[in-house]
């Protein structure tokens, strides 16, 4: 399941990056650099919110606590 999600995210990123670049160029010509820059900045913030609030990432311990975290979570490989 995790592999399928990672593959899907890779496809989304592969398609989204060129599309965003293309649309950014059109937007800059149409609305100007300032408006487009603010809009892209807001998109970046919106995309970062799930990563910043993801419980799995926020609760990840420092390297010296990884072994204990692996043991508690039941992972079989380090």
Protein backbone atom coordinates (compact mmCIF):
# COMPACT_ATOMS: atom_id res chain seq x y z
CA UNK A 1 0.00 0.00 0.00
CA UNK A 2 2.77 2.42 0.93
CA UNK A 3 4.60 1.61 -2.31
CA UNK A 4 1.47 2.38 -4.31
CA UNK A 5 1.08 5.73 -2.56
CA UNK A 6 4.73 6.58 -3.20
CA UNK A 7 4.40 5.64 -6.87
CA UNK A 8 1.28 7.79 -7.17
CA UNK A 9 3.05 10.73 -5.56
CA UNK A 10 5.93 10.29 -7.98
CA UNK A 11 3.52 10.40 -10.92
CA UNK A 12 1.83 13.50 -9.54
CA UNK A 13 5.17 15.25 -9.08
CA UNK A 14 6.35 14.21 -12.55
CA UNK A 15 3.25 15.66 -14.16
CA UNK A 16 2.76 18.64 -11.86
CA UNK A 17 6.24 20.17 -12.06
CA UNK A 18 6.25 20.88 -15.81
CA UNK A 19 2.59 21.94 -15.71
CA UNK A 20 3.23 24.40 -12.89
CA UNK A 21 6.25 25.82 -14.70
CA UNK A 22 4.25 26.25 -17.91
CA UNK A 23 1.28 27.83 -16.14
CA UNK A 24 3.59 30.09 -14.13
CA UNK A 25 5.05 31.49 -17.33
CA UNK A 26 1.60 32.18 -18.73
CA UNK A 27 0.46 33.75 -15.44
CA UNK A 28 3.54 35.99 -15.28
CA UNK A 29 2.82 37.31 -18.75
CA UNK A 30 -0.85 37.83 -17.98
CA UNK A 31 -0.91 39.09 -14.36
CA UNK A 32 2.70 40.12 -13.75
CA UNK A 33 5.50 38.84 -11.58
CA UNK A 34 4.26 40.11 -8.20
CA UNK A 35 0.79 38.56 -8.33
CA UNK A 36 2.11 35.29 -9.73
CA UNK A 37 4.88 35.11 -7.12
CA UNK A 38 2.42 35.63 -4.27
CA UNK A 39 0.07 33.01 -5.73
CA UNK A 40 2.89 30.48 -6.09
CA UNK A 41 4.10 31.25 -2.57
CA UNK A 42 0.63 30.52 -1.22
CA UNK A 43 0.56 27.26 -3.16
CA UNK A 44 3.90 26.24 -1.66
CA UNK A 45 2.66 27.03 1.86
CA UNK A 46 -0.54 25.05 1.22
CA UNK A 47 1.48 22.09 -0.05
CA UNK A 48 3.81 22.22 2.98
CA UNK A 49 1.05 22.20 5.60
CA UNK A 50 0.41 18.42 5.41
CA UNK A 51 4.13 17.67 5.77
CA UNK A 52 4.51 19.99 8.76
CA UNK A 53 1.45 18.62 10.52
CA UNK A 54 1.99 14.93 9.68
CA UNK A 55 2.12 13.14 13.03
CA UNK A 56 4.59 10.54 11.80
CA UNK A 57 7.12 13.22 10.92
CA UNK A 58 6.53 15.47 13.91
CA UNK A 59 6.99 12.64 16.41
CA UNK A 60 10.07 11.16 14.71
CA UNK A 61 12.80 10.93 17.34
CA UNK A 62 16.40 12.06 17.05
CA UNK A 63 18.88 9.47 15.69
CA UNK A 64 19.78 8.18 19.14
CA UNK A 65 16.12 7.21 19.72
CA UNK A 66 15.54 5.42 16.41
CA UNK A 67 16.12 1.89 17.73
CA UNK A 68 13.61 2.36 20.53
CA UNK A 69 11.12 3.90 18.08
CA UNK A 70 11.53 0.93 15.72
CA UNK A 71 11.00 -1.50 18.59
CA UNK A 72 7.87 0.33 19.79
CA UNK A 73 6.35 0.64 16.32
CA UNK A 74 6.96 -3.02 15.47
CA UNK A 75 9.07 -2.43 12.38
CA UNK A 76 11.07 -5.47 11.37
CA UNK A 77 13.94 -3.75 9.54
CA UNK A 78 16.18 -0.87 10.57
